[in-house]
Amino acid sequence: MKTKVNFQGLLFTGILLALVLFSKLNNNTVAKVSFQDDIKNTSLAAISALSDRTPILTKLNSNSSLAVVNSETEESRPFKKEGVIELNLTSKIAFAEDLDSQKLLYSQGTEKRWPIASISKLMTAVIAMEKLGPDKIATISQTAIDTEGLAGDFKLNEKYSIRDMVKIMLFVSSNDAAVAISEFYGQTNFIKEMNMKAAELGMNETNFFDCTGLSVLNQSNTSDLTKLAQYILKQRPEIFNFTKTKELSVVELSSNSVKFYTNINYFAGQNDFLGGKTGFIESSEQNLLSIFSYKGHKILTIILGSTDRFADTQKLFDWVKNSYEF
């Protein structure tokens, strides 16, 4: 009887142990499954989140790349086309630049200084407008009349505003007008002011010996002339505006008579011409500084030492338009 009781006790104990072990094993399995599910769910959530963001990131990267490409394309304009033809000019020096992007478009012999002749009158105009003022009245002297050249058709003691004197000087390249303007200020001081302004603008290769450009010592290069052109466009745009029309009328103030002038610049009156200045003495041959408008860009051309400045300028401008994508 005692043996039977012990056996039943042992059997009961074994069953209890088995139940405990099974319960523990089942709990571990459930926990493991639960843990794996958590990992799976977390991974799915991460993948889902990444998937949700991927289109945005892709879109941002795509737009950013496009913006960079567009930016580079815009910044590189104008860019030179392939298969550009060679340019043949008569001038010793030729230069073209897009003044808006400050990109060099063409350069030939530009390392040289050159007698700029009446292109000097652009600086004469700057000093006249800044130091004298447009509304002051200048009188034509005998010295002015005796200056080489007849352009302007002035008479002794005629009176003109500085503004009109500058217009006549630029329009027909009147040396008489240039001298009359400089006399108003004092010729020596006026030329000193021209050279001081050149130094101020960083025109280190430029020298002015007179206000007319008749002297071969009035010399510059294309880099310095570009600085002068940029200054005028920004600070004294009226100077180039004076030069771009075909016809001019001014009033001689002592008699109130009206005088009429025709611009000697071939390009004057053209819609794309923004202004410029001619120049000629024997030692410099024909010179021409011009600014044109093309597809919203201001194109500066400089021709020095030419036998046909207008033809060379036209060829250069046409070459720029055909050779670059704007």
C-alpha atoms as a PDB file:
ATOM      1  CA  MET A   1       0.000   0.000   0.000  1.00  0.00           C
ATOM      2  CA  LYS A   2       2.823   2.329   0.871  1.00  0.00           C
ATOM      3  CA  THR A   3       4.595   1.550  -2.421  1.00  0.00           C
ATOM      4  CA  LYS A   4       1.466   2.422  -4.398  1.00  0.00           C
ATOM      5  CA  VAL A   5       1.160   5.790  -2.662  1.00  0.00           C
ATOM      6  CA  ASN A   6       4.762   6.618  -3.364  1.00  0.00           C
ATOM      7  CA  PHE A   7       4.347   5.719  -7.014  1.00  0.00           C
ATOM      8  CA  GLN A   8       1.296   7.949  -7.346  1.00  0.00           C
ATOM      9  CA  GLY A   9       3.165  10.779  -5.661  1.00  0.00           C
ATOM     10  CA  LEU A  10       6.087  10.408  -8.006  1.00  0.00           C
ATOM     11  CA  LEU A  11       3.761  10.263 -11.010  1.00  0.00           C
ATOM     12  CA  PHE A  12       1.972  13.411  -9.849  1.00  0.00           C
ATOM     13  CA  THR A  13       5.252  15.192  -9.305  1.00  0.00           C
ATOM     14  CA  GLY A  14       6.469  14.167 -12.777  1.00  0.00           C
ATOM     15  CA  ILE A  15       3.283  15.437 -14.387  1.00  0.00           C
ATOM     16  CA  LEU A  16       3.650  18.761 -12.607  1.00  0.00           C
ATOM     17  CA  LEU A  17       7.255  19.076 -13.739  1.00  0.00           C
ATOM     18  CA  ALA A  18       6.266  18.256 -17.296  1.00  0.00           C
ATOM     19  CA  LEU A  19       3.542  20.888 -17.221  1.00  0.00           C
ATOM     20  CA  VAL A  20       5.948  23.498 -15.861  1.00  0.00           C
ATOM     21  CA  LEU A  21       8.552  22.674 -18.517  1.00  0.00           C
ATOM     22  CA  PHE A  22       5.944  22.767 -21.295  1.00  0.00           C
ATOM     23  CA  SER A  23       4.576  26.056 -20.065  1.00  0.00           C
ATOM     24  CA  LYS A  24       8.041  27.589 -19.976  1.00  0.00           C
ATOM     25  CA  LEU A  25       8.860  26.254 -23.426  1.00  0.00           C
ATOM     26  CA  ASN A  26       5.604  27.614 -24.831  1.00  0.00           C
ATOM     27  CA  ASN A  27       6.192  31.026 -23.287  1.00  0.00           C
ATOM     28  CA  ASN A  28       9.684  31.181 -24.775  1.00  0.00           C
ATOM     29  CA  THR A  29       8.306  30.264 -28.189  1.00  0.00           C
ATOM     30  CA  VAL A  30       5.609  32.915 -27.959  1.00  0.00           C
ATOM     31  CA  ALA A  31       8.151  35.472 -26.796  1.00  0.00           C
ATOM     32  CA  LYS A  32      10.470  34.529 -29.642  1.00  0.00           C
ATOM     33  CA  VAL A  33       7.686  34.801 -32.181  1.00  0.00           C
ATOM     34  CA  SER A  34       6.599  38.085 -30.680  1.00  0.00           C
ATOM     35  CA  PHE A  35      10.172  39.380 -30.800  1.00  0.00           C
ATOM     36  CA  GLN A  36      10.545  38.326 -34.442  1.00  0.00           C
ATOM     37  CA  ASP A  37       7.225  39.981 -35.249  1.00  0.00           C
ATOM     38  CA  ASP A  38       8.439  43.153 -33.596  1.00  0.00           C
ATOM     39  CA  ILE A  39      11.584  43.094 -35.686  1.00  0.00           C
ATOM     40  CA  LYS A  40       9.577  42.381 -38.814  1.00  0.00           C
ATOM     41  CA  ASN A  41       7.073  45.128 -38.039  1.00  0.00           C
ATOM     42  CA  THR A  42       9.847  47.610 -37.257  1.00  0.00           C
ATOM     43  CA  SER A  43      11.642  46.753 -40.498  1.00  0.00           C
ATOM     44  CA  LEU A  44       8.451  47.105 -42.473  1.00  0.00           C
ATOM     45  CA  ALA A  45       7.781  50.439 -40.845  1.00  0.00           C
ATOM     46  CA  ALA A  46      11.304  51.619 -41.682  1.00  0.00           C
ATOM     47  CA  ILE A  47      10.988  50.399 -45.259  1.00  0.00           C
ATOM     48  CA  SER A  48       7.587  52.056 -45.533  1.00  0.00           C
ATOM     49  CA  ALA A  49       8.936  55.303 -44.168  1.00  0.00           C
ATOM     50  CA  LEU A  50      11.898  55.175 -46.526  1.00  0.00           C
ATOM     51  CA  SER A  51       9.588  54.384 -49.411  1.00  0.00           C
ATOM     52  CA  ASP A  52       7.404  57.327 -48.483  1.00  0.00           C
ATOM     53  CA  ARG A  53      10.438  59.628 -48.465  1.00  0.00           C
ATOM     54  CA  THR A  54      12.185  58.214 -51.522  1.00  0.00           C
ATOM     55  CA  PRO A  55      10.011  60.018 -54.086  1.00  0.00           C
ATOM     56  CA  ILE A  56      10.549  63.269 -52.201  1.00  0.00           C
ATOM     57  CA  LEU A  57      14.290  62.740 -51.979  1.00  0.00           C
ATOM     58  CA  THR A  58      14.425  61.674 -55.606  1.00  0.00           C
ATOM     59  CA  LYS A  59      12.387  64.703 -56.585  1.00  0.00           C
ATOM     60  CA  LEU A  60      14.575  67.003 -54.533  1.00  0.00           C
ATOM     61  CA  ASN A  61      17.742  65.490 -55.958  1.00  0.00           C
ATOM     62  CA  SER A  62      16.316  65.658 -59.451  1.00  0.00           C
ATOM     63  CA  ASN A  63      15.263  69.292 -59.070  1.00  0.00           C
ATOM     64  CA  SER A  64      18.562  70.167 -57.419  1.00  0.00           C
ATOM     65  CA  SER A  65      20.497  68.583 -60.263  1.00  0.00           C
ATOM     66  CA  LEU A  66      18.313  70.376 -62.780  1.00  0.00           C
ATOM     67  CA  ALA A  67      18.831  73.648 -60.954  1.00  0.00           C
ATOM     68  CA  VAL A  68      22.593  73.101 -60.998  1.00  0.00           C
ATOM     69  CA  VAL A  69      22.531  72.278 -64.711  1.00  0.00           C
ATOM     70  CA  ASN A  70      20.364  75.292 -65.442  1.00  0.00           C
ATOM     71  CA  SER A  71      22.580  77.452 -63.274  1.00  0.00           C
ATOM     72  CA  GLU A  72      25.709  76.254 -65.013  1.00  0.00           C
ATOM     73  CA  THR A  73      24.086  76.734 -68.406  1.00  0.00           C
ATOM     74  CA  GLU A  74      23.028  80.288 -67.575  1.00  0.00           C
ATOM     75  CA  GLU A  75      26.378  81.142 -66.032  1.00  0.00           C
ATOM     76  CA  SER A  76      28.261  79.786 -69.025  1.00  0.00           C
ATOM     77  CA  ARG A  77      26.269  81.868 -71.504  1.00  0.00           C
ATOM     78  CA  PRO A  78      27.278  83.075 -73.928  1.00  0.00           C
ATOM     79  CA  PHE A  79      29.157  79.907 -74.879  1.00  0.00           C
ATOM     80  CA  LYS A  80      31.043  79.347 -78.079  1.00  0.00           C
ATOM     81  CA  LYS A  81      29.517  77.104 -80.724  1.00  0.00           C
ATOM     82  CA  GLU A  82      31.408  74.351 -82.500  1.00  0.00           C
ATOM     83  CA  GLY A  83      32.796  74.861 -85.977  1.00  0.00           C
ATOM     84  CA  VAL A  84      33.286  78.630 -85.640  1.00  0.00           C
ATOM     85  CA  ILE A  85      34.750  80.210 -88.758  1.00  0.00           C
ATOM     86  CA  GLU A  86      37.963  82.239 -88.629  1.00  0.00           C
ATOM     87  CA  LEU A  87      37.628  86.019 -88.581  1.00  0.00           C
ATOM     88  CA  ASN A  88      39.686  88.194 -90.918  1.00  0.00           C
ATOM     89  CA  LEU A  89      39.921  91.898 -90.124  1.00  0.00           C
ATOM     90  CA  THR A  90      42.079  94.778 -91.346  1.00  0.00           C
ATOM     91  CA  SER A  91      42.649  96.139 -87.828  1.00  0.00           C
ATOM     92  CA  LYS A  92      45.825  95.683 -85.808  1.00  0.00           C
ATOM     93  CA  ILE A  93      43.775  95.230 -82.639  1.00  0.00           C
ATOM     94  CA  ALA A  94      40.277  93.795 -82.228  1.00  0.00           C
ATOM     95  CA  PHE A  95      38.327  93.031 -79.088  1.00  0.00           C
ATOM     96  CA  ALA A  96      34.810  91.995 -78.105  1.00  0.00           C
ATOM     97  CA  GLU A  97      33.297  91.406 -74.676  1.00  0.00           C
ATOM     98  CA  ASP A  98      29.870  90.708 -73.257  1.00  0.00           C
ATOM     99  CA  LEU A  99      29.685  93.487 -70.668  1.00  0.00           C
ATOM    100  CA  ASP A 100      26.865  91.779 -68.755  1.00  0.00           C
ATOM    101  CA  SER A 101      28.692  88.498 -68.096  1.00  0.00           C
ATOM    102  CA  GLN A 102      32.141  90.143 -68.481  1.00  0.00           C
ATOM    103  CA  LYS A 103      33.018  87.280 -70.812  1.00  0.00           C
ATOM    104  CA  LEU A 104      35.727  87.795 -73.413  1.00  0.00           C
ATOM    105  CA  LEU A 105      34.365  86.966 -76.857  1.00  0.00           C
ATOM    106  CA  TYR A 106      37.238  87.887 -79.172  1.00  0.00           C
ATOM    107  CA  SER A 107      40.785  89.131 -78.774  1.00  0.00           C
ATOM    108  CA  GLN A 108      43.440  89.990 -81.353  1.00  0.00           C
ATOM    109  CA  GLY A 109      46.603  91.956 -80.583  1.00  0.00           C
ATOM    110  CA  THR A 110      45.102  93.281 -77.339  1.00  0.00           C
ATOM    111  CA  GLU A 111      48.393  93.141 -75.438  1.00  0.00           C
ATOM    112  CA  LYS A 112      49.446  96.335 -77.259  1.00  0.00           C
ATOM    113  CA  ARG A 113      48.990  99.956 -76.248  1.00  0.00           C
ATOM    114  CA  TRP A 114      47.714 102.058 -79.122  1.00  0.00           C
ATOM    115  CA  PRO A 115      47.153 105.742 -79.966  1.00  0.00           C
ATOM    116  CA  ILE A 116      43.398 106.035 -79.414  1.00  0.00           C
ATOM    117  CA  ALA A 117      42.920 109.415 -81.166  1.00  0.00           C
ATOM    118  CA  SER A 118      39.414 110.852 -80.667  1.00  0.00           C
ATOM    119  CA  ILE A 119      38.252 107.951 -78.507  1.00  0.00           C
ATOM    120  CA  SER A 120      39.999 110.196 -75.942  1.00  0.00           C
ATOM    121  CA  LYS A 121      36.935 112.443 -76.153  1.00  0.00           C
ATOM    122  CA  LEU A 122      34.954 109.930 -74.098  1.00  0.00           C
ATOM    123  CA  MET A 123      37.116 110.847 -71.115  1.00  0.00           C
ATOM    124  CA  THR A 124      36.868 114.537 -72.071  1.00  0.00           C
ATOM    125  CA  ALA A 125      33.082 114.133 -71.894  1.00  0.00           C
ATOM    126  CA  VAL A 126      33.286 112.453 -68.467  1.00  0.00           C
ATOM    127  CA  ILE A 127      35.366 115.282 -66.981  1.00  0.00           C
ATOM    128  CA  ALA A 128      33.175 117.937 -68.616  1.00  0.00           C
ATOM    129  CA  MET A 129      29.997 116.494 -67.118  1.00  0.00           C
ATOM    130  CA  GLU A 130      31.499 115.787 -63.689  1.00  0.00           C
ATOM    131  CA  LYS A 131      33.774 118.770 -63.119  1.00  0.00           C
ATOM    132  CA  LEU A 132      32.060 121.525 -65.101  1.00  0.00           C
ATOM    133  CA  GLY A 133      28.423 120.462 -65.086  1.00  0.00           C
ATOM    134  CA  PRO A 134      26.077 120.228 -68.087  1.00  0.00           C
ATOM    135  CA  ASP A 135      24.406 123.621 -67.607  1.00  0.00           C
ATOM    136  CA  LYS A 136      27.499 125.851 -67.496  1.00  0.00           C
ATOM    137  CA  ILE A 137      28.036 128.116 -70.525  1.00  0.00           C
ATOM    138  CA  ALA A 138      31.265 127.950 -72.553  1.00  0.00           C
ATOM    139  CA  THR A 139      32.444 130.556 -75.065  1.00  0.00           C
ATOM    140  CA  ILE A 140      34.228 129.732 -78.291  1.00  0.00           C
ATOM    141  CA  SER A 141      37.714 131.286 -78.310  1.00  0.00           C
ATOM    142  CA  GLN A 142      40.093 131.908 -81.170  1.00  0.00           C
ATOM    143  CA  THR A 143      42.330 129.176 -79.775  1.00  0.00           C
ATOM    144  CA  ALA A 144      39.475 126.716 -80.088  1.00  0.00           C
ATOM    145  CA  ILE A 145      38.722 127.815 -83.659  1.00  0.00           C
ATOM    146  CA  ASP A 146      42.407 127.518 -84.618  1.00  0.00           C
ATOM    147  CA  THR A 147      42.594 123.908 -83.399  1.00  0.00           C
ATOM    148  CA  GLU A 148      43.111 121.387 -86.179  1.00  0.00           C
ATOM    149  CA  GLY A 149      39.879 120.318 -87.869  1.00  0.00           C
ATOM    150  CA  LEU A 150      36.763 122.210 -88.916  1.00  0.00           C
ATOM    151  CA  ALA A 151      34.111 119.964 -87.328  1.00  0.00           C
ATOM    152  CA  GLY A 152      31.582 121.968 -85.357  1.00  0.00           C
ATOM    153  CA  ASP A 153      31.509 125.023 -87.598  1.00  0.00           C
ATOM    154  CA  PHE A 154      31.993 127.433 -84.697  1.00  0.00           C
ATOM    155  CA  LYS A 155      32.317 131.199 -84.786  1.00  0.00           C
ATOM    156  CA  LEU A 156      34.273 133.403 -82.392  1.00  0.00           C
ATOM    157  CA  ASN A 157      32.433 134.210 -79.126  1.00  0.00           C
ATOM    158  CA  GLU A 158      29.550 131.834 -79.767  1.00  0.00           C
ATOM    159  CA  LYS A 159      28.128 130.412 -76.560  1.00  0.00           C
ATOM    160  CA  TYR A 160      26.870 126.913 -75.834  1.00  0.00           C
ATOM    161  CA  SER A 161      25.942 124.916 -72.785  1.00  0.00           C
ATOM    162  CA  ILE A 162      28.534 122.337 -71.748  1.00  0.00           C
ATOM    163  CA  ARG A 163      25.927 119.651 -72.477  1.00  0.00           C
ATOM    164  CA  ASP A 164      25.562 120.824 -76.093  1.00  0.00           C
ATOM    165  CA  MET A 165      29.311 121.250 -76.481  1.00  0.00           C
ATOM    166  CA  VAL A 166      29.793 117.649 -75.375  1.00  0.00           C
ATOM    167  CA  LYS A 167      27.124 116.486 -77.817  1.00  0.00           C
ATOM    168  CA  ILE A 168      28.782 118.310 -80.727  1.00  0.00           C
ATOM    169  CA  MET A 169      32.214 117.046 -79.682  1.00  0.00           C
ATOM    170  CA  LEU A 170      31.035 113.432 -79.697  1.00  0.00           C
ATOM    171  CA  PHE A 171      28.684 113.716 -82.673  1.00  0.00           C
ATOM    172  CA  VAL A 172      31.133 115.114 -85.234  1.00  0.00           C
ATOM    173  CA  SER A 173      34.337 114.572 -83.216  1.00  0.00           C
ATOM    174  CA  SER A 174      34.908 118.310 -82.961  1.00  0.00           C
ATOM    175  CA  ASN A 175      38.374 119.214 -81.693  1.00  0.00           C
ATOM    176  CA  ASP A 176      37.249 122.857 -81.408  1.00  0.00           C
ATOM    177  CA  ALA A 177      34.504 121.853 -78.983  1.00  0.00           C
ATOM    178  CA  ALA A 178      36.935 119.765 -76.913  1.00  0.00           C
ATOM    179  CA  VAL A 179      39.355 122.682 -76.583  1.00  0.00           C
ATOM    180  CA  ALA A 180      36.553 125.136 -75.709  1.00  0.00           C
ATOM    181  CA  ILE A 181      35.404 122.773 -72.951  1.00  0.00           C
ATOM    182  CA  SER A 182      38.902 122.332 -71.520  1.00  0.00           C
ATOM    183  CA  GLU A 183      39.558 126.105 -71.638  1.00  0.00           C
ATOM    184  CA  PHE A 184      36.528 126.679 -69.425  1.00  0.00           C
ATOM    185  CA  TYR A 185      38.241 124.649 -66.686  1.00  0.00           C
ATOM    186  CA  GLY A 186      41.841 125.506 -67.625  1.00  0.00           C
ATOM    187  CA  GLN A 187      43.498 123.194 -70.153  1.00  0.00           C
ATOM    188  CA  THR A 188      46.355 122.024 -67.926  1.00  0.00           C
ATOM    189  CA  ASN A 189      44.047 121.253 -65.007  1.00  0.00           C
ATOM    190  CA  PHE A 190      41.513 119.621 -67.300  1.00  0.00           C
ATOM    191  CA  ILE A 191      44.057 117.175 -68.747  1.00  0.00           C
ATOM    192  CA  LYS A 192      45.307 116.503 -65.230  1.00  0.00           C
ATOM    193  CA  GLU A 193      41.744 115.579 -64.257  1.00  0.00           C
ATOM    194  CA  MET A 194      41.527 113.218 -67.248  1.00  0.00           C
ATOM    195  CA  ASN A 195      44.625 111.339 -66.099  1.00  0.00           C
ATOM    196  CA  MET A 196      43.489 111.318 -62.478  1.00  0.00           C
ATOM    197  CA  LYS A 197      40.168 109.795 -63.529  1.00  0.00           C
ATOM    198  CA  ALA A 198      41.986 107.166 -65.557  1.00  0.00           C
ATOM    199  CA  ALA A 199      44.050 106.250 -62.492  1.00  0.00           C
ATOM    200  CA  GLU A 200      40.901 106.138 -60.355  1.00  0.00           C
ATOM    201  CA  LEU A 201      39.314 103.673 -62.785  1.00  0.00           C
ATOM    202  CA  GLY A 202      42.412 101.452 -62.809  1.00  0.00           C
ATOM    203  CA  MET A 203      43.328 102.417 -66.368  1.00  0.00           C
ATOM    204  CA  ASN A 204      47.001 101.831 -65.687  1.00  0.00           C
ATOM    205  CA  GLU A 205      48.051 101.594 -69.337  1.00  0.00           C
ATOM    206  CA  THR A 206      46.377 104.861 -70.338  1.00  0.00           C
ATOM    207  CA  ASN A 207      47.804 108.342 -70.766  1.00  0.00           C
ATOM    208  CA  PHE A 208      46.149 111.558 -71.919  1.00  0.00           C
ATOM    209  CA  PHE A 209      48.357 114.328 -73.292  1.00  0.00           C
ATOM    210  CA  ASP A 210      45.508 116.445 -74.647  1.00  0.00           C
ATOM    211  CA  CYS A 211      41.695 116.588 -74.575  1.00  0.00           C
ATOM    212  CA  THR A 212      41.225 116.028 -78.313  1.00  0.00           C
ATOM    213  CA  GLY A 213      43.207 112.896 -79.114  1.00  0.00           C
ATOM    214  CA  LEU A 214      45.303 114.691 -81.731  1.00  0.00           C
ATOM    215  CA  SER A 215      48.465 113.691 -79.877  1.00  0.00           C
ATOM    216  CA  VAL A 216      50.007 110.284 -80.551  1.00  0.00           C
ATOM    217  CA  LEU A 217      50.802 110.220 -76.824  1.00  0.00           C
ATOM    218  CA  ASN A 218      47.131 109.694 -76.000  1.00  0.00           C
ATOM    219  CA  GLN A 219      47.401 105.925 -75.654  1.00  0.00           C
ATOM    220  CA  SER A 220      45.472 103.077 -74.073  1.00  0.00           C
ATOM    221  CA  ASN A 221      44.643  99.415 -74.529  1.00  0.00           C
ATOM    222  CA  THR A 222      41.430  97.400 -74.837  1.00  0.00           C
ATOM    223  CA  SER A 223      41.367  96.449 -71.143  1.00  0.00           C
ATOM    224  CA  ASP A 224      41.500 100.086 -70.032  1.00  0.00           C
ATOM    225  CA  LEU A 225      38.991 101.231 -72.646  1.00  0.00           C
ATOM    226  CA  THR A 226      36.618  98.531 -71.383  1.00  0.00           C
ATOM    227  CA  LYS A 227      36.881  99.987 -67.876  1.00  0.00           C
ATOM    228  CA  LEU A 228      36.057 103.445 -69.238  1.00  0.00           C
ATOM    229  CA  ALA A 229      33.078 102.131 -71.212  1.00  0.00           C
ATOM    230  CA  GLN A 230      31.747 100.278 -68.157  1.00  0.00           C
ATOM    231  CA  TYR A 231      32.090 103.407 -66.020  1.00  0.00           C
ATOM    232  CA  ILE A 232      30.220 105.542 -68.531  1.00  0.00           C
ATOM    233  CA  LEU A 233      27.417 102.996 -68.866  1.00  0.00           C
ATOM    234  CA  LYS A 234      26.990 102.844 -65.100  1.00  0.00           C
ATOM    235  CA  GLN A 235      27.685 106.400 -63.973  1.00  0.00           C
ATOM    236  CA  ARG A 236      27.301 108.634 -67.054  1.00  0.00           C
ATOM    237  CA  PRO A 237      24.963 106.794 -69.462  1.00  0.00           C
ATOM    238  CA  GLU A 238      23.905 110.089 -71.055  1.00  0.00           C
ATOM    239  CA  ILE A 239      27.316 110.267 -72.750  1.00  0.00           C
ATOM    240  CA  PHE A 240      26.687 107.155 -74.827  1.00  0.00           C
ATOM    241  CA  ASN A 241      23.076 108.239 -75.297  1.00  0.00           C
ATOM    242  CA  PHE A 242      24.377 111.431 -76.931  1.00  0.00           C
ATOM    243  CA  THR A 243      26.227 109.352 -79.523  1.00  0.00           C
ATOM    244  CA  LYS A 244      23.588 106.865 -80.663  1.00  0.00           C
ATOM    245  CA  THR A 245      21.214 109.125 -82.602  1.00  0.00           C
ATOM    246  CA  LYS A 246      21.663 110.147 -86.218  1.00  0.00           C
ATOM    247  CA  GLU A 247      20.678 113.821 -86.065  1.00  0.00           C
ATOM    248  CA  LEU A 248      21.351 116.573 -83.527  1.00  0.00           C
ATOM    249  CA  SER A 249      20.117 120.126 -83.089  1.00  0.00           C
ATOM    250  CA  VAL A 250      21.541 122.607 -80.571  1.00  0.00           C
ATOM    251  CA  VAL A 251      20.911 126.247 -79.754  1.00  0.00           C
ATOM    252  CA  GLU A 252      23.696 128.816 -79.987  1.00  0.00           C
ATOM    253  CA  LEU A 253      22.873 130.939 -76.933  1.00  0.00           C
ATOM    254  CA  SER A 254      24.174 134.371 -77.959  1.00  0.00           C
ATOM    255  CA  SER A 255      21.915 134.486 -81.038  1.00  0.00           C
ATOM    256  CA  ASN A 256      19.358 131.793 -80.159  1.00  0.00           C
ATOM    257  CA  SER A 257      19.971 130.290 -83.586  1.00  0.00           C
ATOM    258  CA  VAL A 258      19.633 126.539 -84.082  1.00  0.00           C
ATOM    259  CA  LYS A 259      22.434 124.442 -85.546  1.00  0.00           C
ATOM    260  CA  PHE A 260      21.995 120.969 -87.017  1.00  0.00           C
ATOM    261  CA  TYR A 261      24.539 118.162 -87.109  1.00  0.00           C
ATOM    262  CA  THR A 262      24.675 114.655 -88.605  1.00  0.00           C
ATOM    263  CA  ASN A 263      26.477 111.920 -86.686  1.00  0.00           C
ATOM    264  CA  ILE A 264      29.666 110.751 -88.411  1.00  0.00           C
ATOM    265  CA  ASN A 265      29.257 107.264 -86.907  1.00  0.00           C
ATOM    266  CA  TYR A 266      27.878 104.787 -89.453  1.00  0.00           C
ATOM    267  CA  PHE A 267      26.002 102.841 -86.765  1.00  0.00           C
ATOM    268  CA  ALA A 268      24.194 105.861 -85.299  1.00  0.00           C
ATOM    269  CA  GLY A 269      20.430 105.513 -85.520  1.00  0.00           C
ATOM    270  CA  GLN A 270      20.433 101.708 -85.662  1.00  0.00           C
ATOM    271  CA  ASN A 271      18.151 100.041 -83.120  1.00  0.00           C
ATOM    272  CA  ASP A 272      20.885  97.791 -81.746  1.00  0.00           C
ATOM    273  CA  PHE A 273      23.490 100.564 -81.395  1.00  0.00           C
ATOM    274  CA  LEU A 274      23.881 101.834 -77.830  1.00  0.00           C
ATOM    275  CA  GLY A 275      26.671 104.315 -78.448  1.00  0.00           C
ATOM    276  CA  GLY A 276      30.358 104.669 -79.144  1.00  0.00           C
ATOM    277  CA  LYS A 277      33.168 106.866 -80.425  1.00  0.00           C
ATOM    278  CA  THR A 278      35.293 107.099 -83.531  1.00  0.00           C
ATOM    279  CA  GLY A 279      38.951 108.087 -83.668  1.00  0.00           C
ATOM    280  CA  PHE A 280      41.522 108.828 -86.337  1.00  0.00           C
ATOM    281  CA  ILE A 281      44.985 110.303 -86.689  1.00  0.00           C
ATOM    282  CA  GLU A 282      47.607 109.207 -89.200  1.00  0.00           C
ATOM    283  CA  SER A 283      49.637 107.273 -86.647  1.00  0.00           C
ATOM    284  CA  SER A 284      46.643 105.404 -85.217  1.00  0.00           C
ATOM    285  CA  GLU A 285      44.741 104.774 -88.467  1.00  0.00           C
ATOM    286  CA  GLN A 286      41.007 104.241 -87.908  1.00  0.00           C
ATOM    287  CA  ASN A 287      39.707 103.444 -84.415  1.00  0.00           C
ATOM    288  CA  LEU A 288      36.190 102.691 -83.194  1.00  0.00           C
ATOM    289  CA  LEU A 289      34.672 101.792 -79.836  1.00  0.00           C
ATOM    290  CA  SER A 290      31.067 100.586 -80.061  1.00  0.00           C
ATOM    291  CA  ILE A 291      28.405  99.105 -77.815  1.00  0.00           C
ATOM    292  CA  PHE A 292      25.590  97.031 -79.269  1.00  0.00           C
ATOM    293  CA  SER A 293      22.565  95.291 -77.825  1.00  0.00           C
ATOM    294  CA  TYR A 294      22.026  91.629 -78.716  1.00  0.00           C
ATOM    295  CA  LYS A 295      19.487  89.321 -77.058  1.00  0.00           C
ATOM    296  CA  GLY A 296      19.517  91.378 -73.881  1.00  0.00           C
ATOM    297  CA  HIS A 297      23.326  91.559 -73.716  1.00  0.00           C
ATOM    298  CA  LYS A 298      25.509  94.627 -74.129  1.00  0.00           C
ATOM    299  CA  ILE A 299      28.328  93.759 -76.521  1.00  0.00           C
ATOM    300  CA  LEU A 300      31.413  95.978 -76.523  1.00  0.00           C
ATOM    301  CA  THR A 301      33.607  95.976 -79.626  1.00  0.00           C
ATOM    302  CA  ILE A 302      36.902  97.829 -80.011  1.00  0.00           C
ATOM    303  CA  ILE A 303      38.704  98.181 -83.332  1.00  0.00           C
ATOM    304  CA  LEU A 304      42.110  99.918 -83.385  1.00  0.00           C
ATOM    305  CA  GLY A 305      44.479 100.495 -86.302  1.00  0.00           C
ATOM    306  CA  SER A 306      41.975  99.648 -89.033  1.00  0.00           C
ATOM    307  CA  THR A 307      41.736 100.625 -92.680  1.00  0.00           C
ATOM    308  CA  ASP A 308      37.926 100.303 -92.481  1.00  0.00           C
ATOM    309  CA  ARG A 309      36.693 100.592 -88.903  1.00  0.00           C
ATOM    310  CA  PHE A 310      32.983 100.343 -89.687  1.00  0.00           C
ATOM    311  CA  ALA A 311      33.365  97.242 -91.867  1.00  0.00           C
ATOM    312  CA  ASP A 312      35.651  95.606 -89.293  1.00  0.00           C
ATOM    313  CA  THR A 313      33.227  96.396 -86.487  1.00  0.00           C
ATOM    314  CA  GLN A 314      30.297  94.984 -88.435  1.00  0.00           C
ATOM    315  CA  LYS A 315      32.265  91.811 -89.216  1.00  0.00           C
ATOM    316  CA  LEU A 316      33.256  91.418 -85.578  1.00  0.00           C
ATOM    317  CA  PHE A 317      29.733  91.968 -84.279  1.00  0.00           C
ATOM    318  CA  ASP A 318      28.270  89.552 -86.843  1.00  0.00           C
ATOM    319  CA  TRP A 319      30.942  86.995 -85.940  1.00  0.00           C
ATOM    320  CA  VAL A 320      30.011  87.244 -82.261  1.00  0.00           C
ATOM    321  CA  LYS A 321      26.322  86.737 -83.038  1.00  0.00           C
ATOM    322  CA  ASN A 322      27.063  83.707 -85.225  1.00  0.00           C
ATOM    323  CA  SER A 323      29.733  82.172 -83.020  1.00  0.00           C
ATOM    324  CA  TYR A 324      28.092  82.266 -79.585  1.00  0.00           C
ATOM    325  CA  GLU A 325      24.907  80.948 -78.047  1.00  0.00           C
ATOM    326  CA  PHE A 326      23.304  83.647 -75.902  1.00  0.00           C
END
